[in-house]
Amino acid sequence: MCHFSGKHAKTKVTCENGNIHTIECNVIRVDSALYGRADRSTCSQGRPFWQLFNTGCSRNVTTFSFHRCELQQKCDVQMSDVRNPDPCLGTFKYLQTDFTCVPAGNISSPLSGNGKVIMVLSAFYGRQKRNVCNNCPLAMSQNVNCGHPTDLVAEKCDGKKRCNIKAANSVFGDPCKGTHKYLEVTYVCICK
């Protein structure tokens, strides 16, 4: 199987004393994120041993990072947003995000793998941005905290050369009434 060569796995670490955790690439796909300490070497410079000793203290913040960063080109996470609750008092902690940079695929329907097969990396139905699909009354595009990631697109399209899926409440449900929604899909074309 040959995979699309445009995917790049990356890790970003911000130490506890930092203010902002910034991730940036063409399109972000969050793989995992943790806040705490999982090893003694990360963010250890100038720290006493007792602040680095507890390596079993971390909190999974993947869901938080996913909602904040998924499908964005640049994402800033305020460290104050992940510090509470503190998973281990007295231990010097860090925020680590593992993510993949993927090329922006054609997000319009129908999806097409150009002779290869489709592999959906992520899909979102709702509204996260005011300036996307904004050919509607202004009030219907203001709610940008609307929607949810969906696995339905991957279920219907993965492994196919071509896939049609309707961006409608009848397919995905209505995550926020009165808001004009859109379907945003990030995918790559792979060959078998």
Protein backbone atom coordinates (compact mmCIF):
# COMPACT_ATOMS: atom_id res chain seq x y z
CA MET A 1 0.00 0.00 0.00
CA CYS A 2 1.40 3.44 -0.85
CA HIS A 3 0.39 6.39 1.31
CA PHE A 4 0.06 10.03 0.40
CA SER A 5 3.43 11.60 1.08
CA GLY A 6 2.11 14.95 2.30
CA LYS A 7 1.37 13.80 5.88
CA HIS A 8 3.90 14.85 8.51
CA ALA A 9 3.71 13.71 12.14
CA LYS A 10 4.90 16.28 14.67
CA THR A 11 5.07 16.82 18.40
CA LYS A 12 4.81 20.18 20.15
CA VAL A 13 5.80 20.61 23.82
CA THR A 14 5.26 23.72 25.95
CA CYS A 15 6.63 23.78 29.49
CA GLU A 16 4.41 24.66 32.45
CA ASN A 17 5.88 28.15 32.81
CA GLY A 18 4.87 29.05 29.23
CA ASN A 19 1.73 31.01 28.48
CA ILE A 20 0.67 29.85 25.01
CA HIS A 21 0.99 26.48 23.23
CA THR A 22 0.98 27.19 19.47
CA ILE A 23 0.55 24.58 16.75
CA GLU A 24 0.85 25.57 13.11
CA CYS A 25 0.83 23.73 9.76
CA ASN A 26 -1.23 23.46 6.56
CA VAL A 27 -4.08 21.50 8.23
CA ILE A 28 -3.82 20.19 11.82
CA ARG A 29 -5.06 16.72 12.77
CA VAL A 30 -4.72 16.16 16.53
CA ASP A 31 -3.57 12.62 17.38
CA SER A 32 -3.15 12.96 21.17
CA ALA A 33 -2.42 15.51 23.89
CA LEU A 34 -1.43 15.27 27.55
CA TYR A 35 -0.77 17.69 30.37
CA GLY A 36 1.50 16.57 33.21
CA ARG A 37 4.75 14.59 33.18
CA ALA A 38 5.36 11.29 31.39
CA ASP A 39 9.18 11.31 31.42
CA ARG A 40 12.07 12.94 33.32
CA SER A 41 13.82 14.64 30.39
CA THR A 42 11.11 16.81 28.81
CA CYS A 43 11.16 20.38 30.15
CA SER A 44 13.78 19.40 32.74
CA GLN A 45 16.47 22.04 32.26
CA GLY A 46 17.25 23.85 35.50
CA ARG A 47 14.67 21.90 37.51
CA PRO A 48 15.42 20.05 40.76
CA PHE A 49 15.12 16.25 40.65
CA TRP A 50 12.09 16.21 42.97
CA GLN A 51 10.07 18.26 40.43
CA LEU A 52 10.82 15.66 37.70
CA PHE A 53 10.57 12.43 39.68
CA ASN A 54 6.83 11.67 39.28
CA THR A 55 6.49 10.49 35.66
CA GLY A 56 3.12 8.86 36.14
CA CYS A 57 1.15 12.04 36.51
CA SER A 58 -0.63 13.31 33.46
CA ARG A 59 -4.11 14.11 32.28
CA ASN A 60 -5.36 13.30 28.78
CA VAL A 61 -6.41 16.56 27.11
CA THR A 62 -6.85 15.15 23.59
CA THR A 63 -10.55 16.04 23.43
CA PHE A 64 -9.85 19.63 24.50
CA SER A 65 -7.04 20.01 21.94
CA PHE A 66 -9.14 18.33 19.24
CA HIS A 67 -11.98 20.81 19.65
CA ARG A 68 -9.57 23.75 19.76
CA CYS A 69 -7.17 22.77 16.95
CA GLU A 70 -8.61 20.15 14.60
CA LEU A 71 -8.68 21.26 10.92
CA GLN A 72 -7.10 24.63 11.75
CA GLN A 73 -3.93 26.04 10.21
CA LYS A 74 -2.82 27.70 13.45
CA CYS A 75 -3.99 26.96 16.96
CA ASP A 76 -3.15 28.76 20.21
CA VAL A 77 -3.96 26.96 23.47
CA GLN A 78 -3.71 29.07 26.63
CA MET A 79 -1.79 27.05 29.21
CA SER A 80 -4.20 28.34 31.86
CA ASP A 81 -6.97 26.40 30.06
CA VAL A 82 -5.31 23.01 30.72
CA ARG A 83 -3.66 23.59 34.13
CA ASN A 84 -6.75 22.81 36.20
CA PRO A 85 -7.26 20.38 37.70
CA ASP A 86 -3.60 19.88 38.51
CA PRO A 87 -2.76 16.18 37.96
CA CYS A 88 0.22 16.24 40.37
CA LEU A 89 1.07 19.03 42.80
CA GLY A 90 4.79 19.79 43.14
CA THR A 91 5.72 18.23 39.80
CA PHE A 92 6.88 20.48 36.94
CA LYS A 93 4.49 19.74 34.09
CA TYR A 94 4.23 20.31 30.34
CA LEU A 95 1.62 20.19 27.58
CA GLN A 96 2.51 17.80 24.78
CA THR A 97 0.46 17.58 21.60
CA ASP A 98 1.11 14.94 18.96
CA PHE A 99 -0.42 15.97 15.66
CA THR A 100 -0.23 15.33 11.94
CA CYS A 101 0.07 18.03 9.31
CA VAL A 102 -2.01 17.03 6.32
CA PRO A 103 -2.46 18.79 3.00
CA ALA A 104 -5.80 20.48 2.57
CA GLY A 105 -7.91 18.18 0.44
CA ASN A 106 -10.80 19.21 -1.69
CA ILE A 107 -13.52 19.59 0.93
CA SER A 108 -16.37 20.03 -1.51
CA SER A 109 -18.68 17.16 -2.30
CA PRO A 110 -18.40 14.70 -3.97
CA LEU A 111 -15.13 13.41 -2.56
CA SER A 112 -12.92 11.88 -5.19
CA GLY A 113 -9.65 9.99 -4.84
CA ASN A 114 -8.55 10.58 -8.45
CA GLY A 115 -8.17 6.86 -9.23
CA LYS A 116 -6.91 6.01 -5.75
CA VAL A 117 -9.04 5.35 -2.68
CA ILE A 118 -10.23 7.81 -0.07
CA MET A 119 -9.02 7.81 3.52
CA VAL A 120 -10.90 10.34 5.67
CA LEU A 121 -8.68 11.93 8.33
CA SER A 122 -11.40 13.97 9.98
CA ALA A 123 -14.88 15.35 9.39
CA PHE A 124 -16.87 18.06 11.15
CA TYR A 125 -20.54 19.04 10.75
CA GLY A 126 -21.72 22.36 12.14
CA ARG A 127 -20.04 25.79 12.18
CA GLN A 128 -16.59 26.74 13.50
CA LYS A 129 -15.89 29.78 11.30
CA ARG A 130 -17.99 32.78 10.31
CA ASN A 131 -16.43 33.18 6.86
CA VAL A 132 -17.21 29.66 5.54
CA CYS A 133 -20.51 29.07 3.69
CA ASN A 134 -21.73 32.48 4.82
CA ASN A 135 -24.23 33.07 2.00
CA CYS A 136 -27.02 33.25 4.58
CA PRO A 137 -28.51 35.89 6.89
CA LEU A 138 -25.81 37.25 9.23
CA ALA A 139 -27.53 35.90 12.35
CA MET A 140 -27.30 32.34 10.98
CA SER A 141 -23.47 32.43 10.70
CA GLN A 142 -22.55 34.00 14.08
CA ASN A 143 -22.62 30.88 16.28
CA VAL A 144 -19.16 29.34 15.76
CA ASN A 145 -19.33 26.98 18.74
CA CYS A 146 -21.74 24.74 16.94
CA GLY A 147 -21.28 21.20 15.75
CA HIS A 148 -19.24 18.12 16.35
CA PRO A 149 -16.71 15.82 14.72
CA THR A 150 -18.33 12.93 12.92
CA ASP A 151 -17.15 9.42 11.99
CA LEU A 152 -20.04 8.96 9.55
CA VAL A 153 -18.07 10.31 6.57
CA ALA A 154 -15.22 7.85 7.19
CA GLU A 155 -17.73 4.99 7.57
CA LYS A 156 -19.35 5.80 4.22
CA CYS A 157 -16.29 6.90 2.21
CA ASP A 158 -13.11 5.15 3.37
CA GLY A 159 -11.75 2.75 0.75
CA LYS A 160 -13.94 4.08 -2.06
CA LYS A 161 -12.76 5.85 -5.21
CA ARG A 162 -15.71 8.26 -5.12
CA CYS A 163 -18.18 9.16 -2.39
CA ASN A 164 -21.26 11.37 -2.23
CA ILE A 165 -22.59 12.43 1.15
CA LYS A 166 -25.22 15.07 1.77
CA ALA A 167 -24.35 17.86 4.21
CA ALA A 168 -27.72 18.01 5.95
CA ASN A 169 -29.34 17.76 9.38
CA SER A 170 -31.20 14.67 8.13
CA VAL A 171 -27.82 12.89 7.83
CA PHE A 172 -25.82 14.30 10.77
CA GLY A 173 -28.51 15.58 13.14
CA ASP A 174 -28.95 19.24 14.07
CA PRO A 175 -26.20 20.26 16.52
CA CYS A 176 -27.48 23.86 16.76
CA LYS A 177 -30.85 25.06 15.58
CA GLY A 178 -30.97 28.34 13.68
CA THR A 179 -27.33 28.17 12.55
CA HIS A 180 -26.34 27.62 8.91
CA LYS A 181 -24.07 24.55 9.03
CA TYR A 182 -21.48 23.02 6.71
CA LEU A 183 -19.58 19.76 6.38
CA GLU A 184 -15.79 20.06 6.46
CA VAL A 185 -13.77 16.98 5.50
CA THR A 186 -10.01 16.45 5.51
CA TYR A 187 -8.93 13.42 3.53
CA VAL A 188 -6.05 11.95 1.56
CA CYS A 189 -6.02 9.68 -1.44
CA ILE A 190 -4.03 6.49 -1.03
CA CYS A 191 -3.29 3.64 -3.40
CA LYS A 192 -3.44 -0.02 -2.50
